[in-house]
C-alpha atoms as a PDB file:
ATOM      1  CA  UNK A   1      -0.044  -0.134   0.301  1.00  0.00           C
ATOM      2  CA  UNK A   2       1.473   3.471  -1.596  1.00  0.00           C
ATOM      3  CA  UNK A   3       2.109   6.067   1.681  1.00  0.00           C
ATOM      4  CA  UNK A   4      -0.833   9.197   1.224  1.00  0.00           C
ATOM      5  CA  UNK A   5       1.989  11.536   0.179  1.00  0.00           C
ATOM      6  CA  UNK A   6       2.823   9.269  -2.955  1.00  0.00           C
ATOM      7  CA  UNK A   7      -0.493   8.069  -3.434  1.00  0.00           C
ATOM      8  CA  UNK A   8      -1.897  11.809  -3.495  1.00  0.00           C
ATOM      9  CA  UNK A   9       1.227  12.915  -5.906  1.00  0.00           C
ATOM     10  CA  UNK A  10       0.475  10.306  -8.683  1.00  0.00           C
ATOM     11  CA  UNK A  11      -2.963  10.839  -8.626  1.00  0.00           C
ATOM     12  CA  UNK A  12      -2.205  14.260  -9.535  1.00  0.00           C
ATOM     13  CA  UNK A  13      -0.137  13.650 -12.111  1.00  0.00           C
ATOM     14  CA  UNK A  14      -3.482  11.538 -13.885  1.00  0.00           C
ATOM     15  CA  UNK A  15      -5.525  14.574 -13.163  1.00  0.00           C
ATOM     16  CA  UNK A  16      -3.524  16.611 -14.688  1.00  0.00           C
ATOM     17  CA  UNK A  17      -3.234  14.785 -17.972  1.00  0.00           C
ATOM     18  CA  UNK A  18      -5.460  15.935 -20.932  1.00  0.00           C
ATOM     19  CA  UNK A  19      -8.294  13.977 -21.992  1.00  0.00           C
ATOM     20  CA  UNK A  20      -8.182  11.262 -24.465  1.00  0.00           C
ATOM     21  CA  UNK A  21     -10.366   9.661 -26.776  1.00  0.00           C
ATOM     22  CA  UNK A  22     -11.601   7.348 -24.141  1.00  0.00           C
ATOM     23  CA  UNK A  23     -14.460   6.805 -21.707  1.00  0.00           C
ATOM     24  CA  UNK A  24     -14.754   6.038 -18.331  1.00  0.00           C
ATOM     25  CA  UNK A  25     -12.494   3.805 -16.414  1.00  0.00           C
ATOM     26  CA  UNK A  26     -10.440   3.491 -20.407  1.00  0.00           C
ATOM     27  CA  UNK A  27     -10.011   7.229 -20.571  1.00  0.00           C
ATOM     28  CA  UNK A  28      -8.390   7.147 -17.119  1.00  0.00           C
ATOM     29  CA  UNK A  29      -6.333   4.472 -17.548  1.00  0.00           C
ATOM     30  CA  UNK A  30      -5.144   6.185 -20.780  1.00  0.00           C
ATOM     31  CA  UNK A  31      -4.523   9.263 -18.654  1.00  0.00           C
ATOM     32  CA  UNK A  32      -2.057   7.032 -15.844  1.00  0.00           C
ATOM     33  CA  UNK A  33      -0.278   5.693 -18.943  1.00  0.00           C
ATOM     34  CA  UNK A  34       0.779   9.158 -19.938  1.00  0.00           C
ATOM     35  CA  UNK A  35       1.032   9.998 -16.581  1.00  0.00           C
ATOM     36  CA  UNK A  36       3.773   7.349 -16.372  1.00  0.00           C
ATOM     37  CA  UNK A  37       5.224   7.964 -19.123  1.00  0.00           C
ATOM     38  CA  UNK A  38       5.827  11.731 -18.964  1.00  0.00           C
ATOM     39  CA  UNK A  39       7.305  11.251 -14.475  1.00  0.00           C
ATOM     40  CA  UNK A  40       9.483   8.152 -14.884  1.00  0.00           C
ATOM     41  CA  UNK A  41      10.524   9.509 -18.381  1.00  0.00           C
ATOM     42  CA  UNK A  42       9.807   6.394 -20.228  1.00  0.00           C
ATOM     43  CA  UNK A  43       9.368   5.653 -24.083  1.00  0.00           C
ATOM     44  CA  UNK A  44       6.240   4.499 -23.887  1.00  0.00           C
ATOM     45  CA  UNK A  45       3.340   2.665 -21.046  1.00  0.00           C
ATOM     46  CA  UNK A  46       0.390  -0.070 -21.360  1.00  0.00           C
ATOM     47  CA  UNK A  47      -2.526  -1.439 -19.297  1.00  0.00           C
ATOM     48  CA  UNK A  48      -3.285  -4.634 -20.744  1.00  0.00           C
ATOM     49  CA  UNK A  49      -6.333  -7.106 -19.458  1.00  0.00           C
ATOM     50  CA  UNK A  50      -5.068 -10.269 -19.547  1.00  0.00           C
ATOM     51  CA  UNK A  51      -7.919 -12.907 -18.072  1.00  0.00           C
ATOM     52  CA  UNK A  52      -6.702 -15.668 -18.662  1.00  0.00           C
ATOM     53  CA  UNK A  53      -2.768 -17.093 -20.664  1.00  0.00           C
ATOM     54  CA  UNK A  54      -3.329 -16.577 -24.271  1.00  0.00           C
ATOM     55  CA  UNK A  55      -5.639 -13.645 -24.022  1.00  0.00           C
ATOM     56  CA  UNK A  56      -4.452 -10.259 -24.005  1.00  0.00           C
ATOM     57  CA  UNK A  57      -6.172  -6.943 -24.468  1.00  0.00           C
ATOM     58  CA  UNK A  58      -4.372  -3.639 -24.573  1.00  0.00           C
ATOM     59  CA  UNK A  59      -6.899  -1.325 -23.248  1.00  0.00           C
ATOM     60  CA  UNK A  60      -5.281   1.900 -22.693  1.00  0.00           C
ATOM     61  CA  UNK A  61      -1.761   3.272 -24.339  1.00  0.00           C
ATOM     62  CA  UNK A  62       0.626   6.428 -23.853  1.00  0.00           C
ATOM     63  CA  UNK A  63       0.578   6.035 -27.464  1.00  0.00           C
ATOM     64  CA  UNK A  64      -0.172   4.062 -30.453  1.00  0.00           C
ATOM     65  CA  UNK A  65       3.255   2.928 -31.252  1.00  0.00           C
ATOM     66  CA  UNK A  66       3.394   1.822 -27.243  1.00  0.00           C
ATOM     67  CA  UNK A  67      -0.238  -0.190 -28.063  1.00  0.00           C
ATOM     68  CA  UNK A  68       1.187  -2.134 -31.280  1.00  0.00           C
ATOM     69  CA  UNK A  69       4.473  -2.810 -29.164  1.00  0.00           C
ATOM     70  CA  UNK A  70       2.344  -4.500 -25.894  1.00  0.00           C
ATOM     71  CA  UNK A  71       0.478  -5.843 -28.893  1.00  0.00           C
ATOM     72  CA  UNK A  72       3.226  -7.504 -30.662  1.00  0.00           C
ATOM     73  CA  UNK A  73       3.463  -9.937 -27.396  1.00  0.00           C
ATOM     74  CA  UNK A  74       0.424 -11.624 -28.572  1.00  0.00           C
ATOM     75  CA  UNK A  75       1.459 -12.060 -31.612  1.00  0.00           C
ATOM     76  CA  UNK A  76       4.504 -13.883 -30.712  1.00  0.00           C
ATOM     77  CA  UNK A  77       3.348 -15.634 -27.878  1.00  0.00           C
ATOM     78  CA  UNK A  78       6.211 -14.127 -25.346  1.00  0.00           C
ATOM     79  CA  UNK A  79       7.506 -10.678 -23.178  1.00  0.00           C
ATOM     80  CA  UNK A  80       7.375  -9.153 -20.279  1.00  0.00           C
ATOM     81  CA  UNK A  81       3.034  -9.174 -19.607  1.00  0.00           C
ATOM     82  CA  UNK A  82       3.070 -12.840 -20.721  1.00  0.00           C
ATOM     83  CA  UNK A  83       5.962 -13.383 -17.547  1.00  0.00           C
ATOM     84  CA  UNK A  84       4.204 -11.606 -15.554  1.00  0.00           C
ATOM     85  CA  UNK A  85       0.804 -13.496 -16.214  1.00  0.00           C
ATOM     86  CA  UNK A  86       2.719 -16.339 -15.640  1.00  0.00           C
ATOM     87  CA  UNK A  87       4.956 -15.564 -12.179  1.00  0.00           C
ATOM     88  CA  UNK A  88       2.466 -13.551 -10.759  1.00  0.00           C
ATOM     89  CA  UNK A  89       4.741 -10.733  -9.953  1.00  0.00           C
ATOM     90  CA  UNK A  90       7.221  -8.043 -11.351  1.00  0.00           C
ATOM     91  CA  UNK A  91       9.652  -8.406 -14.367  1.00  0.00           C
ATOM     92  CA  UNK A  92      11.963  -5.776 -14.838  1.00  0.00           C
ATOM     93  CA  UNK A  93      14.830  -6.136 -17.203  1.00  0.00           C
ATOM     94  CA  UNK A  94      17.344  -2.831 -17.348  1.00  0.00           C
ATOM     95  CA  UNK A  95      19.337  -4.011 -20.677  1.00  0.00           C
ATOM     96  CA  UNK A  96      17.049  -5.631 -23.245  1.00  0.00           C
ATOM     97  CA  UNK A  97      19.505  -5.840 -25.488  1.00  0.00           C
ATOM     98  CA  UNK A  98      22.381  -7.616 -22.913  1.00  0.00           C
ATOM     99  CA  UNK A  99      19.633 -10.203 -21.280  1.00  0.00           C
ATOM    100  CA  UNK A 100      16.446  -9.765 -23.315  1.00  0.00           C
ATOM    101  CA  UNK A 101      16.959 -11.083 -26.908  1.00  0.00           C
ATOM    102  CA  UNK A 102      17.962 -14.735 -24.979  1.00  0.00           C
ATOM    103  CA  UNK A 103      14.754 -13.980 -22.575  1.00  0.00           C
ATOM    104  CA  UNK A 104      12.171 -13.126 -25.231  1.00  0.00           C
ATOM    105  CA  UNK A 105      13.768 -13.852 -28.800  1.00  0.00           C
ATOM    106  CA  UNK A 106      10.411 -12.949 -31.021  1.00  0.00           C
ATOM    107  CA  UNK A 107       9.286  -9.883 -29.264  1.00  0.00           C
ATOM    108  CA  UNK A 108      12.713  -8.322 -27.712  1.00  0.00           C
ATOM    109  CA  UNK A 109      14.053  -7.328 -30.855  1.00  0.00           C
ATOM    110  CA  UNK A 110      11.377  -5.828 -32.003  1.00  0.00           C
ATOM    111  CA  UNK A 111      11.442  -3.801 -28.623  1.00  0.00           C
ATOM    112  CA  UNK A 112      14.856  -2.814 -29.108  1.00  0.00           C
ATOM    113  CA  UNK A 113      14.064  -2.177 -32.622  1.00  0.00           C
ATOM    114  CA  UNK A 114      11.294   0.655 -31.459  1.00  0.00           C
ATOM    115  CA  UNK A 115      13.790   2.467 -29.015  1.00  0.00           C
ATOM    116  CA  UNK A 116      12.443   0.471 -26.158  1.00  0.00           C
ATOM    117  CA  UNK A 117      15.881  -0.344 -24.771  1.00  0.00           C
ATOM    118  CA  UNK A 118      14.456  -1.728 -20.774  1.00  0.00           C
ATOM    119  CA  UNK A 119      11.678  -3.222 -19.334  1.00  0.00           C
ATOM    120  CA  UNK A 120       9.590  -2.876 -16.003  1.00  0.00           C
ATOM    121  CA  UNK A 121       6.228  -4.542 -16.126  1.00  0.00           C
ATOM    122  CA  UNK A 122       3.668  -5.036 -12.531  1.00  0.00           C
ATOM    123  CA  UNK A 123       1.062  -7.324 -12.299  1.00  0.00           C
ATOM    124  CA  UNK A 124      -2.335  -5.770 -11.697  1.00  0.00           C
ATOM    125  CA  UNK A 125      -3.731  -8.167  -8.915  1.00  0.00           C
ATOM    126  CA  UNK A 126      -5.790  -8.915  -6.128  1.00  0.00           C
ATOM    127  CA  UNK A 127      -4.655 -11.308  -3.599  1.00  0.00           C
ATOM    128  CA  UNK A 128      -3.205 -14.072  -6.040  1.00  0.00           C
ATOM    129  CA  UNK A 129      -5.837 -13.518  -8.645  1.00  0.00           C
ATOM    130  CA  UNK A 130      -3.869 -11.523 -11.076  1.00  0.00           C
ATOM    131  CA  UNK A 131      -6.124  -9.779 -14.581  1.00  0.00           C
ATOM    132  CA  UNK A 132      -3.840  -7.580 -15.920  1.00  0.00           C
ATOM    133  CA  UNK A 133      -0.305  -5.764 -16.406  1.00  0.00           C
ATOM    134  CA  UNK A 134       1.168  -2.480 -16.143  1.00  0.00           C
ATOM    135  CA  UNK A 135       3.850  -2.213 -18.745  1.00  0.00           C
ATOM    136  CA  UNK A 136       6.620   1.134 -18.846  1.00  0.00           C
ATOM    137  CA  UNK A 137       9.032   1.010 -21.181  1.00  0.00           C
ATOM    138  CA  UNK A 138      12.041   2.910 -21.079  1.00  0.00           C
ATOM    139  CA  UNK A 139      14.386   4.229 -24.102  1.00  0.00           C
ATOM    140  CA  UNK A 140      17.124   3.770 -22.413  1.00  0.00           C
ATOM    141  CA  UNK A 141      19.095   0.960 -20.405  1.00  0.00           C
ATOM    142  CA  UNK A 142      18.700   1.129 -16.375  1.00  0.00           C
ATOM    143  CA  UNK A 143      17.497  -0.275 -13.576  1.00  0.00           C
ATOM    144  CA  UNK A 144      14.727   1.321 -11.604  1.00  0.00           C
ATOM    145  CA  UNK A 145      16.118   3.610  -8.580  1.00  0.00           C
ATOM    146  CA  UNK A 146      14.444   3.093  -5.458  1.00  0.00           C
ATOM    147  CA  UNK A 147      12.011   6.316  -6.009  1.00  0.00           C
ATOM    148  CA  UNK A 148      11.313   5.333  -9.316  1.00  0.00           C
ATOM    149  CA  UNK A 149      10.460   1.848  -8.071  1.00  0.00           C
ATOM    150  CA  UNK A 150       7.664   2.908  -5.307  1.00  0.00           C
ATOM    151  CA  UNK A 151       6.145   5.753  -7.409  1.00  0.00           C
ATOM    152  CA  UNK A 152       5.750   2.443 -10.204  1.00  0.00           C
ATOM    153  CA  UNK A 153       4.329   0.589  -7.894  1.00  0.00           C
ATOM    154  CA  UNK A 154       1.781   3.789  -7.264  1.00  0.00           C
ATOM    155  CA  UNK A 155       1.083   3.608 -10.677  1.00  0.00           C
ATOM    156  CA  UNK A 156       0.275  -0.159 -10.802  1.00  0.00           C
ATOM    157  CA  UNK A 157      -1.692   0.471  -6.808  1.00  0.00           C
ATOM    158  CA  UNK A 158      -3.769   2.990  -9.444  1.00  0.00           C
ATOM    159  CA  UNK A 159      -4.196   0.903 -12.126  1.00  0.00           C
ATOM    160  CA  UNK A 160      -5.687  -1.920  -9.932  1.00  0.00           C
ATOM    161  CA  UNK A 161      -8.296   0.276  -8.529  1.00  0.00           C
ATOM    162  CA  UNK A 162      -9.325   1.619 -11.688  1.00  0.00           C
ATOM    163  CA  UNK A 163      -9.758  -1.493 -13.126  1.00  0.00           C
ATOM    164  CA  UNK A 164     -11.575  -3.079 -10.286  1.00  0.00           C
ATOM    165  CA  UNK A 165     -13.984   0.476 -10.086  1.00  0.00           C
ATOM    166  CA  UNK A 166     -14.384  -0.219 -13.832  1.00  0.00           C
ATOM    167  CA  UNK A 167     -15.636  -3.595 -13.053  1.00  0.00           C
ATOM    168  CA  UNK A 168     -18.527  -2.620 -11.312  1.00  0.00           C
ATOM    169  CA  UNK A 169     -22.135  -2.926 -12.322  1.00  0.00           C
ATOM    170  CA  UNK A 170     -23.223  -0.045 -13.864  1.00  0.00           C
ATOM    171  CA  UNK A 171     -19.680   0.704 -15.976  1.00  0.00           C
ATOM    172  CA  UNK A 172     -20.132  -0.312 -19.217  1.00  0.00           C
ATOM    173  CA  UNK A 173     -17.324   1.152 -21.025  1.00  0.00           C
ATOM    174  CA  UNK A 174     -14.733  -1.497 -19.386  1.00  0.00           C
ATOM    175  CA  UNK A 175     -16.337  -4.141 -20.731  1.00  0.00           C
ATOM    176  CA  UNK A 176     -17.041  -2.638 -24.247  1.00  0.00           C
ATOM    177  CA  UNK A 177     -13.559  -2.192 -24.751  1.00  0.00           C
ATOM    178  CA  UNK A 178     -12.173  -5.464 -23.421  1.00  0.00           C
ATOM    179  CA  UNK A 179     -15.196  -6.869 -25.813  1.00  0.00           C
ATOM    180  CA  UNK A 180     -13.606  -4.532 -28.801  1.00  0.00           C
ATOM    181  CA  UNK A 181      -9.737  -5.578 -28.149  1.00  0.00           C
ATOM    182  CA  UNK A 182     -11.091  -9.224 -28.239  1.00  0.00           C
ATOM    183  CA  UNK A 183     -13.086  -9.107 -31.322  1.00  0.00           C
ATOM    184  CA  UNK A 184      -9.349  -7.336 -32.871  1.00  0.00           C
ATOM    185  CA  UNK A 185      -8.143 -11.276 -32.243  1.00  0.00           C
ATOM    186  CA  UNK A 186     -11.465 -13.434 -33.212  1.00  0.00           C
ATOM    187  CA  UNK A 187     -10.288 -14.603 -36.343  1.00  0.00           C
ATOM    188  CA  UNK A 188      -6.925 -15.898 -34.862  1.00  0.00           C
ATOM    189  CA  UNK A 189      -8.808 -17.927 -32.881  1.00  0.00           C
ATOM    190  CA  UNK A 190     -10.941 -18.866 -35.710  1.00  0.00           C
ATOM    191  CA  UNK A 191      -8.015 -20.278 -37.503  1.00  0.00           C
ATOM    192  CA  UNK A 192      -6.577 -21.072 -34.167  1.00  0.00           C
ATOM    193  CA  UNK A 193      -9.256 -24.081 -34.374  1.00  0.00           C
ATOM    194  CA  UNK A 194      -9.132 -24.554 -38.385  1.00  0.00           C
ATOM    195  CA  UNK A 195      -5.464 -25.631 -38.225  1.00  0.00           C
ATOM    196  CA  UNK A 196      -6.302 -27.397 -34.998  1.00  0.00           C
ATOM    197  CA  UNK A 197      -8.761 -30.038 -37.006  1.00  0.00           C
ATOM    198  CA  UNK A 198      -6.446 -29.823 -39.888  1.00  0.00           C
ATOM    199  CA  UNK A 199      -3.098 -30.589 -38.262  1.00  0.00           C
ATOM    200  CA  UNK A 200      -5.028 -32.929 -35.482  1.00  0.00           C
ATOM    201  CA  UNK A 201      -3.616 -31.452 -32.559  1.00  0.00           C
ATOM    202  CA  UNK A 202      -4.558 -29.266 -29.417  1.00  0.00           C
ATOM    203  CA  UNK A 203      -5.580 -26.212 -29.187  1.00  0.00           C
ATOM    204  CA  UNK A 204      -2.765 -24.729 -27.762  1.00  0.00           C
ATOM    205  CA  UNK A 205      -0.267 -26.746 -30.610  1.00  0.00           C
ATOM    206  CA  UNK A 206      -2.292 -24.970 -32.988  1.00  0.00           C
ATOM    207  CA  UNK A 207      -1.767 -21.779 -31.761  1.00  0.00           C
ATOM    208  CA  UNK A 208       1.985 -22.465 -31.268  1.00  0.00           C
ATOM    209  CA  UNK A 209       2.093 -23.486 -34.888  1.00  0.00           C
ATOM    210  CA  UNK A 210       0.365 -20.595 -36.092  1.00  0.00           C
ATOM    211  CA  UNK A 211       3.043 -18.820 -34.357  1.00  0.00           C
ATOM    212  CA  UNK A 212       6.111 -20.500 -35.326  1.00  0.00           C
ATOM    213  CA  UNK A 213       4.844 -20.438 -38.908  1.00  0.00           C
ATOM    214  CA  UNK A 214       4.062 -16.646 -38.863  1.00  0.00           C
ATOM    215  CA  UNK A 215       8.077 -16.001 -37.115  1.00  0.00           C
ATOM    216  CA  UNK A 216       9.484 -17.852 -39.956  1.00  0.00           C
ATOM    217  CA  UNK A 217       8.006 -16.253 -42.671  1.00  0.00           C
ATOM    218  CA  UNK A 218       7.830 -13.017 -41.667  1.00  0.00           C
ATOM    219  CA  UNK A 219       4.103 -12.361 -41.259  1.00  0.00           C
ATOM    220  CA  UNK A 220       2.318 -10.922 -38.430  1.00  0.00           C
ATOM    221  CA  UNK A 221      -0.178 -13.420 -36.619  1.00  0.00           C
ATOM    222  CA  UNK A 222      -3.168 -12.165 -37.126  1.00  0.00           C
ATOM    223  CA  UNK A 223      -2.436 -11.579 -40.574  1.00  0.00           C
ATOM    224  CA  UNK A 224      -1.381 -14.926 -41.126  1.00  0.00           C
ATOM    225  CA  UNK A 225      -5.160 -15.870 -39.427  1.00  0.00           C
ATOM    226  CA  UNK A 226      -6.738 -14.409 -41.840  1.00  0.00           C
ATOM    227  CA  UNK A 227      -5.098 -16.002 -44.409  1.00  0.00           C
ATOM    228  CA  UNK A 228      -5.923 -19.327 -42.518  1.00  0.00           C
ATOM    229  CA  UNK A 229      -9.762 -18.149 -42.359  1.00  0.00           C
ATOM    230  CA  UNK A 230      -9.566 -17.306 -46.517  1.00  0.00           C
ATOM    231  CA  UNK A 231      -7.952 -20.741 -46.928  1.00  0.00           C
ATOM    232  CA  UNK A 232      -4.676 -19.194 -48.608  1.00  0.00           C
ATOM    233  CA  UNK A 233      -2.382 -20.327 -45.877  1.00  0.00           C
ATOM    234  CA  UNK A 234      -1.862 -23.371 -43.337  1.00  0.00           C
ATOM    235  CA  UNK A 235       1.251 -23.994 -41.337  1.00  0.00           C
ATOM    236  CA  UNK A 236       3.191 -27.281 -42.512  1.00  0.00           C
ATOM    237  CA  UNK A 237       2.542 -30.746 -40.410  1.00  0.00           C
ATOM    238  CA  UNK A 238       6.073 -31.447 -40.654  1.00  0.00           C
ATOM    239  CA  UNK A 239       7.677 -27.775 -39.734  1.00  0.00           C
ATOM    240  CA  UNK A 240       7.740 -27.886 -35.724  1.00  0.00           C
END
């Protein structure tokens, strides 16, 4: 739990941000991401809902570039947000070029190419129940000092409370935003089912094969999914 002064400071930083395009809790999370970016001198910040492994919906970001980089983790099936969800603890990598490229060979090169040189990702949770991730992406290779870490934890605490408030009855904005975000992946899940039937594998293996095929061919996963649904592509049974 953040001390009162730190909490008031972060609340004030969020409140002073200019309004964005969203509404309700999504707008508040957008302000939080932009406030975190400015205060911690970041390349970008994102708030992502992850109801389960493999379900990844970016509901707010400090910029469109940050949103796209976060979405890349869904496409390649790896990255700090995925690790946070699985481990249920923060993932702090101070130098992506030194330790991130081997840890996340599909995601880290994209991040470095975009200008991200480290990452600090925090679980949004209540007790052991995790439902999202706050991703903080600096353009410098450096660890968080104690003050920066404390501030990042306050931002994650505020993001958690915003999401919990947004899930309350009567506030449908978060549900609509989550639905819209997941709809963008609908054809991926459709293609996943087609690959499962065609290759006779499990759903999890079907998605893994799709990601491997996309990686080898240099395609975005969502583009490949569209090709599969249209009958123009199918991962090979032999390449694995």
